[in-house]
N, C-alpha and C. Protein backbone atom coordinates (compact mmCIF):
# COMPACT_ATOMS: atom_id res chain seq x y z
N SER A 1 -3.77 -34.35 9.22
CA SER A 1 -3.96 -32.94 8.89
C SER A 1 -5.37 -32.51 8.88
N CYS A 2 -5.45 -31.38 9.12
CA CYS A 2 -6.66 -30.82 8.95
C CYS A 2 -6.62 -29.22 8.08
N TYR A 3 -7.35 -29.05 7.43
CA TYR A 3 -7.38 -27.65 6.62
C TYR A 3 -8.69 -26.82 6.80
N VAL A 4 -8.45 -25.69 6.82
CA VAL A 4 -9.50 -24.85 7.07
C VAL A 4 -9.86 -24.25 5.61
N VAL A 5 -10.94 -24.46 4.85
CA VAL A 5 -11.13 -23.87 3.61
C VAL A 5 -12.28 -22.94 3.71
N PHE A 6 -11.91 -21.60 3.15
CA PHE A 6 -13.14 -20.56 3.09
C PHE A 6 -13.87 -20.82 1.90
N LEU A 7 -15.33 -21.11 1.84
CA LEU A 7 -16.01 -21.13 0.63
C LEU A 7 -16.99 -19.90 0.79
N GLY A 8 -16.73 -18.96 0.09
CA GLY A 8 -17.41 -17.59 0.08
C GLY A 8 -17.33 -17.20 1.49
N SER A 9 -18.63 -17.22 2.15
CA SER A 9 -18.76 -16.76 3.58
C SER A 9 -18.93 -17.97 4.58
N ALA A 10 -18.80 -19.03 4.08
CA ALA A 10 -18.82 -20.21 4.90
C ALA A 10 -17.61 -20.92 4.98
N VAL A 11 -17.22 -21.44 6.26
CA VAL A 11 -16.24 -21.89 6.50
C VAL A 11 -16.56 -23.46 6.67
N GLN A 12 -15.47 -24.28 5.86
CA GLN A 12 -15.57 -25.82 5.95
C GLN A 12 -14.12 -26.13 6.45
N THR A 13 -14.12 -27.39 7.14
CA THR A 13 -12.94 -27.94 7.63
C THR A 13 -13.00 -29.31 6.76
N VAL A 14 -11.68 -29.30 6.26
CA VAL A 14 -11.42 -30.58 5.11
C VAL A 14 -10.25 -31.27 5.54
N VAL A 15 -10.46 -32.77 5.65
CA VAL A 15 -9.59 -33.58 6.05
C VAL A 15 -9.47 -34.65 5.05
N PRO A 16 -8.28 -34.30 3.92
CA PRO A 16 -8.18 -35.10 2.92
C PRO A 16 -7.65 -36.53 3.33
N PRO A 17 -8.07 -37.80 2.85
CA PRO A 17 -7.62 -38.97 3.41
C PRO A 17 -6.05 -39.29 3.33
N ASP A 18 -5.39 -38.51 2.13
CA ASP A 18 -3.82 -38.76 2.17
C ASP A 18 -3.22 -37.64 2.87
N GLY A 19 -3.97 -36.65 3.42
CA GLY A 19 -3.38 -35.71 4.18
C GLY A 19 -3.04 -34.56 3.41
N SER A 20 -3.41 -34.30 2.11
CA SER A 20 -3.10 -33.47 1.28
C SER A 20 -4.34 -32.51 0.85
N LEU A 21 -4.08 -31.36 0.41
CA LEU A 21 -5.11 -30.48 -0.28
C LEU A 21 -4.73 -30.17 -1.58
N ALA A 22 -5.24 -30.98 -2.66
CA ALA A 22 -4.75 -30.98 -3.98
C ALA A 22 -5.15 -29.73 -4.77
N SER A 23 -6.48 -29.33 -4.53
CA SER A 23 -6.81 -27.93 -5.25
C SER A 23 -8.05 -27.44 -4.38
N TYR A 24 -7.93 -26.18 -4.60
CA TYR A 24 -9.40 -25.33 -4.27
C TYR A 24 -9.80 -24.18 -5.10
N THR A 25 -11.19 -24.34 -5.37
CA THR A 25 -11.77 -23.39 -6.50
C THR A 25 -12.53 -22.28 -5.48
N GLY A 26 -12.38 -21.10 -5.88
CA GLY A 26 -13.13 -19.90 -5.11
C GLY A 26 -12.09 -18.87 -4.39
N ASN A 27 -12.56 -18.14 -3.51
CA ASN A 27 -12.03 -17.05 -3.06
C ASN A 27 -11.38 -17.37 -1.49
N ALA A 28 -10.30 -17.35 -1.28
CA ALA A 28 -9.90 -17.43 0.04
C ALA A 28 -9.15 -16.22 0.73
N SER A 29 -9.51 -15.89 1.75
CA SER A 29 -8.91 -14.73 2.52
C SER A 29 -8.33 -15.35 3.90
N ILE A 30 -7.09 -14.95 3.92
CA ILE A 30 -6.37 -15.56 5.24
C ILE A 30 -5.59 -14.28 6.06
N SER A 31 -5.85 -14.32 7.15
CA SER A 31 -5.49 -13.34 8.03
C SER A 31 -4.51 -13.92 8.82
N GLY A 32 -3.21 -13.53 8.66
CA GLY A 32 -2.09 -14.08 9.73
C GLY A 32 -0.86 -14.67 8.74
N THR A 33 -0.19 -15.72 8.88
CA THR A 33 0.36 -16.35 8.25
C THR A 33 0.24 -17.57 7.63
N LEU A 34 0.55 -17.70 6.23
CA LEU A 34 0.26 -18.97 5.56
C LEU A 34 1.55 -19.70 5.11
N GLY A 35 1.74 -20.70 5.66
CA GLY A 35 3.13 -21.51 5.08
C GLY A 35 2.78 -22.46 4.29
N VAL A 36 3.62 -22.33 3.09
CA VAL A 36 3.34 -23.31 1.95
C VAL A 36 5.00 -24.09 1.77
N THR A 37 4.79 -25.39 1.75
CA THR A 37 5.77 -26.07 1.25
C THR A 37 5.50 -26.64 0.00
N GLY A 38 6.37 -26.17 -1.22
CA GLY A 38 6.28 -26.63 -2.46
C GLY A 38 5.65 -25.24 -3.35
N ALA A 39 4.89 -25.63 -4.55
CA ALA A 39 4.70 -24.46 -5.31
C ALA A 39 3.06 -24.02 -5.12
N VAL A 40 3.07 -22.73 -5.25
CA VAL A 40 1.72 -22.07 -5.31
C VAL A 40 1.68 -21.69 -6.89
N THR A 41 0.40 -22.07 -7.29
CA THR A 41 0.19 -21.76 -8.62
C THR A 41 -1.36 -21.05 -8.76
N ALA A 42 -1.30 -19.80 -9.34
CA ALA A 42 -2.31 -19.01 -9.40
C ALA A 42 -2.66 -18.69 -10.84
N SER A 43 -3.68 -19.15 -11.41
CA SER A 43 -3.88 -19.02 -12.83
C SER A 43 -4.56 -17.52 -13.17
N SER A 44 -4.97 -16.90 -12.15
CA SER A 44 -5.38 -15.49 -12.49
C SER A 44 -4.95 -14.55 -11.90
N GLY A 45 -3.79 -14.51 -11.17
CA GLY A 45 -2.96 -13.69 -10.20
C GLY A 45 -3.11 -14.02 -8.71
N LEU A 46 -2.11 -13.50 -8.15
CA LEU A 46 -1.91 -13.64 -6.83
C LEU A 46 -1.68 -12.26 -6.01
N ASP A 47 -2.55 -11.67 -5.27
CA ASP A 47 -2.44 -10.42 -4.60
C ASP A 47 -1.89 -10.65 -3.01
N VAL A 48 -0.79 -9.88 -3.02
CA VAL A 48 -0.08 -9.93 -1.76
C VAL A 48 -0.07 -8.55 -1.21
N THR A 49 -0.46 -8.48 0.20
CA THR A 49 -0.13 -7.18 0.61
C THR A 49 0.80 -7.38 1.75
N GLY A 50 2.06 -6.63 1.75
CA GLY A 50 3.15 -6.94 2.61
C GLY A 50 4.10 -7.81 1.95
N ALA A 51 4.93 -8.38 2.74
CA ALA A 51 6.43 -9.01 2.24
C ALA A 51 5.88 -10.42 1.77
N ILE A 52 6.80 -10.91 0.87
CA ILE A 52 7.05 -12.30 0.47
C ILE A 52 8.56 -12.76 0.88
N THR A 53 8.54 -13.67 1.45
CA THR A 53 9.85 -13.96 2.22
C THR A 53 10.26 -15.54 1.52
N ALA A 54 11.27 -15.58 0.97
CA ALA A 54 11.60 -16.86 0.52
C ALA A 54 12.83 -17.36 1.18
N SER A 55 13.12 -18.59 1.80
CA SER A 55 14.11 -18.89 2.57
C SER A 55 15.23 -19.57 1.92
N SER A 56 14.87 -19.65 0.53
CA SER A 56 16.15 -20.13 -0.45
C SER A 56 15.82 -19.53 -1.68
N ALA A 57 16.76 -19.73 -2.70
CA ALA A 57 16.56 -19.45 -4.04
C ALA A 57 15.28 -19.73 -4.63
N SER A 58 14.92 -18.61 -5.25
CA SER A 58 13.37 -18.81 -5.78
C SER A 58 13.50 -18.31 -7.44
N SER A 59 12.47 -18.61 -8.11
CA SER A 59 12.53 -18.27 -9.38
C SER A 59 11.00 -18.00 -9.94
N ILE A 60 10.76 -17.18 -10.79
CA ILE A 60 9.59 -17.02 -11.60
C ILE A 60 9.57 -17.46 -12.91
N ASN A 61 8.96 -18.55 -13.02
CA ASN A 61 8.75 -19.10 -14.65
C ASN A 61 7.62 -18.69 -15.26
N VAL A 62 7.93 -18.12 -16.59
CA VAL A 62 6.73 -17.58 -17.47
C VAL A 62 6.80 -18.10 -18.75
N THR A 63 5.97 -18.54 -19.48
CA THR A 63 5.91 -19.06 -20.93
C THR A 63 5.17 -17.79 -21.76
N GLY A 64 6.11 -17.41 -22.59
CA GLY A 64 5.59 -16.13 -23.23
C GLY A 64 5.66 -14.93 -22.15
N GLY A 65 5.57 -13.75 -23.41
CA GLY A 65 4.98 -12.32 -22.68
C GLY A 65 6.05 -11.79 -21.59
N SER A 66 5.55 -11.00 -20.73
CA SER A 66 6.42 -10.35 -19.89
C SER A 66 6.44 -10.92 -18.70
N ALA A 67 7.66 -11.37 -18.03
CA ALA A 67 7.81 -12.20 -16.98
C ALA A 67 7.68 -11.51 -15.56
N LEU A 68 7.96 -10.14 -15.48
CA LEU A 68 7.94 -9.49 -14.16
C LEU A 68 7.52 -8.23 -14.61
N THR A 69 6.35 -7.72 -13.91
CA THR A 69 6.07 -6.15 -14.21
C THR A 69 5.89 -5.46 -12.59
N LEU A 70 6.51 -4.60 -12.43
CA LEU A 70 6.58 -3.73 -11.32
C LEU A 70 5.73 -2.47 -11.62
N LYS A 71 4.52 -2.43 -10.91
CA LYS A 71 3.74 -1.34 -11.31
C LYS A 71 3.08 -0.50 -10.19
N SER A 72 3.39 0.84 -10.20
CA SER A 72 3.17 1.73 -9.26
C SER A 72 1.84 2.41 -9.70
N THR A 73 0.77 2.51 -8.83
CA THR A 73 -0.32 3.22 -9.20
C THR A 73 -0.56 4.50 -8.47
N ASP A 74 0.83 5.00 -7.88
CA ASP A 74 0.75 6.19 -6.84
C ASP A 74 0.70 7.46 -8.14
N ALA A 75 -0.15 8.30 -7.79
CA ALA A 75 -0.50 9.48 -8.66
C ALA A 75 0.51 10.76 -7.82
N GLY A 76 1.19 10.34 -7.05
CA GLY A 76 2.10 11.49 -6.32
C GLY A 76 3.17 11.61 -7.04
N SER A 77 4.04 12.67 -6.67
CA SER A 77 5.57 12.88 -7.11
C SER A 77 6.68 11.95 -6.84
N THR A 78 6.35 11.14 -5.87
CA THR A 78 7.58 10.39 -5.36
C THR A 78 7.75 9.26 -6.44
N ALA A 79 9.06 8.72 -6.46
CA ALA A 79 9.66 7.86 -7.48
C ALA A 79 8.71 6.34 -7.24
N GLY A 80 8.39 6.09 -8.41
CA GLY A 80 7.66 4.62 -8.40
C GLY A 80 7.43 3.98 -9.63
N PRO A 81 7.68 2.83 -9.86
CA PRO A 81 7.92 1.79 -8.87
C PRO A 81 9.45 1.96 -8.67
N VAL A 82 9.92 1.33 -7.56
CA VAL A 82 11.28 1.28 -7.26
C VAL A 82 11.63 -0.33 -6.96
N LEU A 83 12.79 -0.50 -7.58
CA LEU A 83 13.23 -1.97 -7.53
C LEU A 83 14.47 -1.77 -6.57
N SER A 84 14.28 -2.30 -5.45
CA SER A 84 15.57 -2.31 -4.77
C SER A 84 16.20 -3.66 -4.35
N LEU A 85 17.44 -3.77 -4.90
CA LEU A 85 18.29 -5.01 -4.51
C LEU A 85 19.22 -4.64 -3.33
N GLN A 86 19.07 -5.31 -2.29
CA GLN A 86 19.77 -4.98 -1.05
C GLN A 86 20.43 -6.10 -0.47
N ARG A 87 21.68 -6.13 -0.45
CA ARG A 87 22.56 -7.08 0.42
C ARG A 87 22.80 -6.67 1.92
N ASP A 88 22.12 -7.39 2.90
CA ASP A 88 22.28 -7.03 4.04
C ASP A 88 23.16 -8.03 4.91
N SER A 89 24.44 -7.76 4.60
CA SER A 89 25.46 -8.73 5.29
C SER A 89 25.87 -8.46 6.56
N ALA A 90 26.01 -9.46 7.46
CA ALA A 90 26.47 -8.90 9.16
C ALA A 90 27.70 -8.69 9.07
N SER A 91 28.66 -8.90 7.89
CA SER A 91 30.00 -8.93 7.93
C SER A 91 30.42 -8.35 6.57
N PRO A 92 29.98 -7.05 6.24
CA PRO A 92 30.40 -6.45 5.10
C PRO A 92 31.85 -6.27 5.00
N ALA A 93 32.45 -6.42 3.65
CA ALA A 93 33.71 -6.25 3.42
C ALA A 93 34.33 -5.61 2.21
N ASP A 94 35.25 -5.06 2.31
CA ASP A 94 35.60 -4.39 0.91
C ASP A 94 35.64 -5.51 -0.06
N ASN A 95 35.32 -5.09 -1.41
CA ASN A 95 35.04 -5.94 -2.68
C ASN A 95 34.14 -7.09 -2.60
N ASP A 96 33.20 -6.85 -1.88
CA ASP A 96 32.15 -7.77 -1.78
C ASP A 96 31.17 -7.37 -2.95
N LEU A 97 31.15 -8.47 -3.85
CA LEU A 97 30.00 -8.45 -4.96
C LEU A 97 28.62 -8.42 -4.18
N ILE A 98 28.00 -7.25 -4.43
CA ILE A 98 26.71 -7.12 -3.73
C ILE A 98 25.40 -7.33 -4.53
N GLY A 99 25.52 -7.48 -5.89
CA GLY A 99 24.51 -7.73 -6.81
C GLY A 99 25.06 -7.99 -8.12
N LYS A 100 24.10 -8.66 -9.00
CA LYS A 100 24.45 -9.15 -10.16
C LYS A 100 23.06 -9.31 -11.02
N ILE A 101 23.12 -8.95 -12.15
CA ILE A 101 21.84 -9.11 -13.21
C ILE A 101 22.39 -9.92 -14.37
N ILE A 102 21.99 -10.98 -14.61
CA ILE A 102 22.51 -11.92 -15.82
C ILE A 102 21.54 -11.97 -16.81
N PHE A 103 21.82 -11.76 -18.00
CA PHE A 103 20.94 -11.85 -19.35
C PHE A 103 21.48 -12.91 -19.78
N SER A 104 20.80 -14.30 -19.93
CA SER A 104 21.19 -15.42 -20.62
C SER A 104 20.15 -16.24 -21.56
N ALA A 105 20.78 -16.82 -22.48
CA ALA A 105 19.74 -17.42 -23.46
C ALA A 105 20.75 -18.65 -24.19
N ASP A 106 19.95 -19.39 -24.72
CA ASP A 106 20.60 -20.70 -25.25
C ASP A 106 21.39 -20.41 -26.51
N ASP A 107 22.49 -20.84 -26.83
CA ASP A 107 23.16 -20.73 -28.29
C ASP A 107 22.53 -21.66 -29.24
N ASP A 108 23.01 -21.79 -30.43
CA ASP A 108 22.42 -22.78 -31.26
C ASP A 108 22.89 -24.31 -31.12
N GLY A 109 23.78 -24.52 -30.07
CA GLY A 109 23.80 -25.77 -29.69
C GLY A 109 23.11 -26.11 -28.44
N GLY A 110 22.13 -25.49 -28.06
CA GLY A 110 21.42 -25.62 -26.83
C GLY A 110 22.05 -25.41 -25.56
N ASN A 111 23.10 -24.81 -25.64
CA ASN A 111 24.03 -24.46 -24.29
C ASN A 111 23.42 -23.00 -23.84
N SER A 112 23.26 -22.82 -22.49
CA SER A 112 22.86 -21.70 -21.86
C SER A 112 24.09 -20.75 -21.93
N VAL A 113 24.03 -19.70 -22.33
CA VAL A 113 25.28 -18.56 -22.40
C VAL A 113 24.72 -17.43 -21.51
N ASP A 114 25.67 -16.89 -20.77
CA ASP A 114 25.40 -15.65 -20.33
C ASP A 114 25.94 -14.51 -21.12
N TYR A 115 25.20 -13.96 -22.05
CA TYR A 115 25.49 -12.85 -23.06
C TYR A 115 25.80 -11.62 -22.42
N ALA A 116 25.25 -11.21 -21.23
CA ALA A 116 25.71 -10.09 -20.69
C ALA A 116 25.47 -10.15 -19.14
N THR A 117 26.23 -9.36 -18.54
CA THR A 117 26.10 -9.24 -17.03
C THR A 117 26.29 -7.86 -16.38
N VAL A 118 25.54 -7.54 -15.41
CA VAL A 118 26.05 -6.39 -14.64
C VAL A 118 26.19 -6.82 -13.27
N ASN A 119 27.38 -6.47 -13.18
CA ASN A 119 27.82 -6.52 -11.62
C ASN A 119 28.14 -5.40 -10.69
N ILE A 120 27.63 -5.44 -9.36
CA ILE A 120 27.79 -4.21 -8.44
C ILE A 120 28.77 -4.68 -7.45
N LYS A 121 29.69 -4.00 -7.03
CA LYS A 121 30.71 -4.37 -6.26
C LYS A 121 30.83 -3.32 -5.01
N ALA A 122 31.10 -3.30 -4.00
CA ALA A 122 31.14 -2.57 -2.72
C ALA A 122 32.75 -2.46 -2.57
N THR A 123 33.55 -1.54 -3.29
CA THR A 123 34.97 -1.86 -3.11
C THR A 123 35.45 -1.27 -2.00
N ASP A 124 34.90 -0.33 -1.22
CA ASP A 124 35.10 0.25 0.08
C ASP A 124 34.14 0.41 0.92
N VAL A 125 34.00 -0.33 2.11
CA VAL A 125 32.85 -0.19 2.78
C VAL A 125 32.97 0.57 4.14
N SER A 126 33.99 1.28 4.17
CA SER A 126 34.24 2.24 5.28
C SER A 126 33.43 3.22 5.57
N ASP A 127 32.60 3.27 6.76
CA ASP A 127 31.56 4.38 6.89
C ASP A 127 32.03 5.84 6.76
N GLY A 128 31.61 6.53 5.65
CA GLY A 128 31.73 7.74 5.41
C GLY A 128 32.49 7.98 4.23
N SER A 129 33.15 6.80 3.66
CA SER A 129 33.90 6.90 2.18
C SER A 129 33.66 5.78 1.49
N GLU A 130 32.63 5.11 1.55
CA GLU A 130 32.11 4.13 0.83
C GLU A 130 32.49 4.41 -0.87
N ASP A 131 32.89 3.27 -1.47
CA ASP A 131 32.87 3.39 -2.90
C ASP A 131 32.46 2.23 -3.33
N GLY A 132 31.92 2.19 -4.67
CA GLY A 132 31.07 1.20 -5.43
C GLY A 132 31.63 1.12 -6.68
N GLU A 133 31.43 -0.10 -7.49
CA GLU A 133 31.84 -0.45 -8.82
C GLU A 133 30.65 -0.97 -9.58
N PHE A 134 30.53 -0.43 -10.74
CA PHE A 134 29.58 -0.87 -11.50
C PHE A 134 30.12 -1.40 -12.80
N ASP A 135 29.80 -2.52 -13.29
CA ASP A 135 30.63 -3.22 -14.37
C ASP A 135 29.47 -3.78 -15.44
N ILE A 136 29.55 -3.61 -16.54
CA ILE A 136 28.88 -4.17 -17.53
C ILE A 136 29.56 -5.09 -18.60
N SER A 137 29.42 -6.24 -18.50
CA SER A 137 30.16 -7.11 -19.27
C SER A 137 29.14 -7.67 -20.60
N THR A 138 29.84 -8.04 -21.73
CA THR A 138 29.13 -8.89 -22.81
C THR A 138 29.94 -9.75 -23.21
N VAL A 139 29.44 -10.73 -23.95
CA VAL A 139 30.28 -12.03 -24.48
C VAL A 139 30.82 -11.39 -25.83
N VAL A 140 32.11 -11.70 -26.05
CA VAL A 140 32.67 -11.27 -27.32
C VAL A 140 33.45 -12.58 -27.85
N GLY A 141 33.19 -13.14 -28.85
CA GLY A 141 33.89 -14.20 -29.21
C GLY A 141 33.90 -15.35 -28.26
N GLY A 142 32.74 -15.51 -27.73
CA GLY A 142 32.51 -16.73 -26.80
C GLY A 142 33.17 -16.55 -25.34
N THR A 143 33.67 -15.32 -24.80
CA THR A 143 34.42 -15.09 -23.57
C THR A 143 33.69 -13.74 -23.04
N SER A 144 33.26 -13.64 -21.93
CA SER A 144 32.60 -12.55 -21.23
C SER A 144 34.05 -11.60 -21.05
N ARG A 145 33.61 -10.32 -21.45
CA ARG A 145 34.46 -9.18 -21.39
C ARG A 145 34.04 -7.76 -20.80
N SER A 146 34.58 -7.34 -19.80
CA SER A 146 34.06 -5.98 -19.42
C SER A 146 34.19 -5.12 -20.38
N ARG A 147 32.91 -4.22 -20.67
CA ARG A 147 32.81 -3.27 -21.63
C ARG A 147 32.96 -1.87 -21.11
N ILE A 148 32.14 -1.52 -19.93
CA ILE A 148 32.15 -0.26 -19.29
C ILE A 148 32.44 -0.58 -17.84
N ARG A 149 33.34 0.03 -16.88
CA ARG A 149 33.51 -0.24 -15.77
C ARG A 149 33.50 1.13 -14.94
N MET A 150 32.65 1.43 -13.95
CA MET A 150 32.90 2.74 -13.23
C MET A 150 33.23 2.29 -11.71
N ASP A 151 34.15 3.05 -11.12
CA ASP A 151 34.39 2.84 -9.75
C ASP A 151 34.80 4.13 -9.34
N GLY A 152 35.23 4.28 -8.06
CA GLY A 152 35.48 5.60 -7.16
C GLY A 152 36.46 6.33 -7.91
N THR A 153 37.24 5.86 -8.65
CA THR A 153 38.30 6.69 -9.30
C THR A 153 38.23 6.87 -10.69
N GLU A 154 37.59 6.08 -11.38
CA GLU A 154 37.85 6.33 -12.88
C GLU A 154 36.67 5.49 -13.59
N THR A 155 36.20 5.84 -14.81
CA THR A 155 35.42 5.18 -15.75
C THR A 155 36.27 4.59 -16.91
N ILE A 156 35.99 3.34 -17.25
CA ILE A 156 37.11 2.47 -18.21
C ILE A 156 36.02 1.96 -19.19
N ILE A 157 36.51 2.21 -20.44
CA ILE A 157 35.86 1.66 -21.63
C ILE A 157 36.63 0.44 -22.04
N ASN A 158 36.26 -0.73 -22.37
CA ASN A 158 36.90 -1.80 -22.90
C ASN A 158 38.32 -2.28 -22.12
N GLU A 159 38.13 -2.42 -20.81
CA GLU A 159 39.28 -2.83 -20.06
C GLU A 159 40.07 -4.15 -20.41
N ASN A 160 39.25 -4.95 -20.96
CA ASN A 160 39.86 -6.19 -21.34
C ASN A 160 40.54 -6.34 -22.74
N SER A 161 40.81 -5.06 -23.35
CA SER A 161 41.39 -4.81 -24.56
C SER A 161 40.86 -5.57 -25.77
N VAL A 162 39.46 -5.56 -25.87
CA VAL A 162 38.95 -6.25 -26.72
C VAL A 162 38.95 -5.67 -28.22
N ASP A 163 39.13 -6.22 -29.44
CA ASP A 163 39.30 -5.46 -30.59
C ASP A 163 37.97 -5.16 -31.12
N VAL A 164 37.46 -3.97 -30.52
CA VAL A 164 36.37 -3.55 -30.96
C VAL A 164 36.54 -2.01 -31.04
N ASP A 165 35.61 -1.44 -32.17
CA ASP A 165 36.03 -0.02 -32.36
C ASP A 165 34.94 0.76 -31.19
N PHE A 166 35.42 1.95 -31.03
CA PHE A 166 34.72 2.92 -30.21
C PHE A 166 34.08 4.05 -31.00
N ARG A 167 32.61 4.39 -30.89
CA ARG A 167 32.06 5.25 -31.93
C ARG A 167 31.08 5.97 -31.13
N VAL A 168 31.19 7.29 -31.46
CA VAL A 168 29.91 8.03 -30.78
C VAL A 168 29.29 8.80 -31.99
N GLU A 169 27.91 8.71 -31.93
CA GLU A 169 27.14 9.34 -33.18
C GLU A 169 26.75 10.72 -32.65
N GLY A 170 26.49 11.51 -33.63
CA GLY A 170 26.00 12.90 -33.33
C GLY A 170 24.71 12.90 -34.25
N ASN A 171 23.95 14.12 -34.26
CA ASN A 171 22.71 14.43 -35.06
C ASN A 171 23.05 14.39 -36.73
N GLY A 172 22.66 13.17 -37.23
CA GLY A 172 23.18 12.98 -38.68
C GLY A 172 24.63 12.89 -39.04
N LYS A 173 25.18 12.73 -37.88
CA LYS A 173 26.86 12.12 -38.06
C LYS A 173 27.01 10.75 -37.46
N GLU A 174 27.38 9.74 -38.44
CA GLU A 174 27.40 8.38 -37.89
C GLU A 174 28.71 8.21 -36.99
N ASN A 175 29.79 8.87 -37.39
CA ASN A 175 31.29 8.78 -36.78
C ASN A 175 31.58 10.25 -36.21
N LEU A 176 30.80 10.72 -35.19
CA LEU A 176 31.12 11.99 -35.00
C LEU A 176 32.43 11.86 -34.16
N LEU A 177 32.63 10.73 -33.32
CA LEU A 177 33.89 10.65 -32.72
C LEU A 177 34.15 8.95 -32.92
N LYS A 178 35.23 8.58 -33.43
CA LYS A 178 35.59 7.15 -33.74
C LYS A 178 36.90 6.94 -33.37
N VAL A 179 37.31 5.63 -32.71
CA VAL A 179 38.40 5.07 -32.35
C VAL A 179 38.59 3.78 -32.94
N ASP A 180 39.42 3.59 -33.91
CA ASP A 180 39.38 2.21 -34.56
C ASP A 180 40.56 1.34 -33.79
N ALA A 181 39.99 0.28 -33.29
CA ALA A 181 40.69 -0.79 -32.41
C ALA A 181 41.66 -1.30 -33.08
N GLY A 182 41.35 -1.39 -34.68
CA GLY A 182 42.40 -2.30 -35.38
C GLY A 182 43.83 -1.60 -35.39
């Protein structure tokens, strides 16, 4: 194997004895495609112009602090930043689950629990009459329950008939509207 390493303005070709490049210190500028098998570790940031494509499931692991920030420095009036989750299926079908956000954490027994989920479904993919479904679920008594679901025909609160009260607060009024589930 042969690697080309950019050291400032000088170019140096490195052929490690075991065929690997363990580390590099300095600035590297690469024009074209850089293929990486394994992990990329950047201690002070990784600047990318263009797309990052992953061919399999990927994760961002962070110890402490904010895990992911999308920051737009555009001073114009357009929306920004924009987070777009797109399922680009070759064969879209009614009731495809097209996206999911999971909020999970450990319980006191060390088990990973999905405490809340947001599910998005394409209930009708017919061109010109598309319908979608938006569902927010939380764990109640150890079981995931739909709390709010909106689709093409209705908005449902507490579809799973969980024994929880429904309450709307007003300015200075704790129980402006209250429905007691008990």
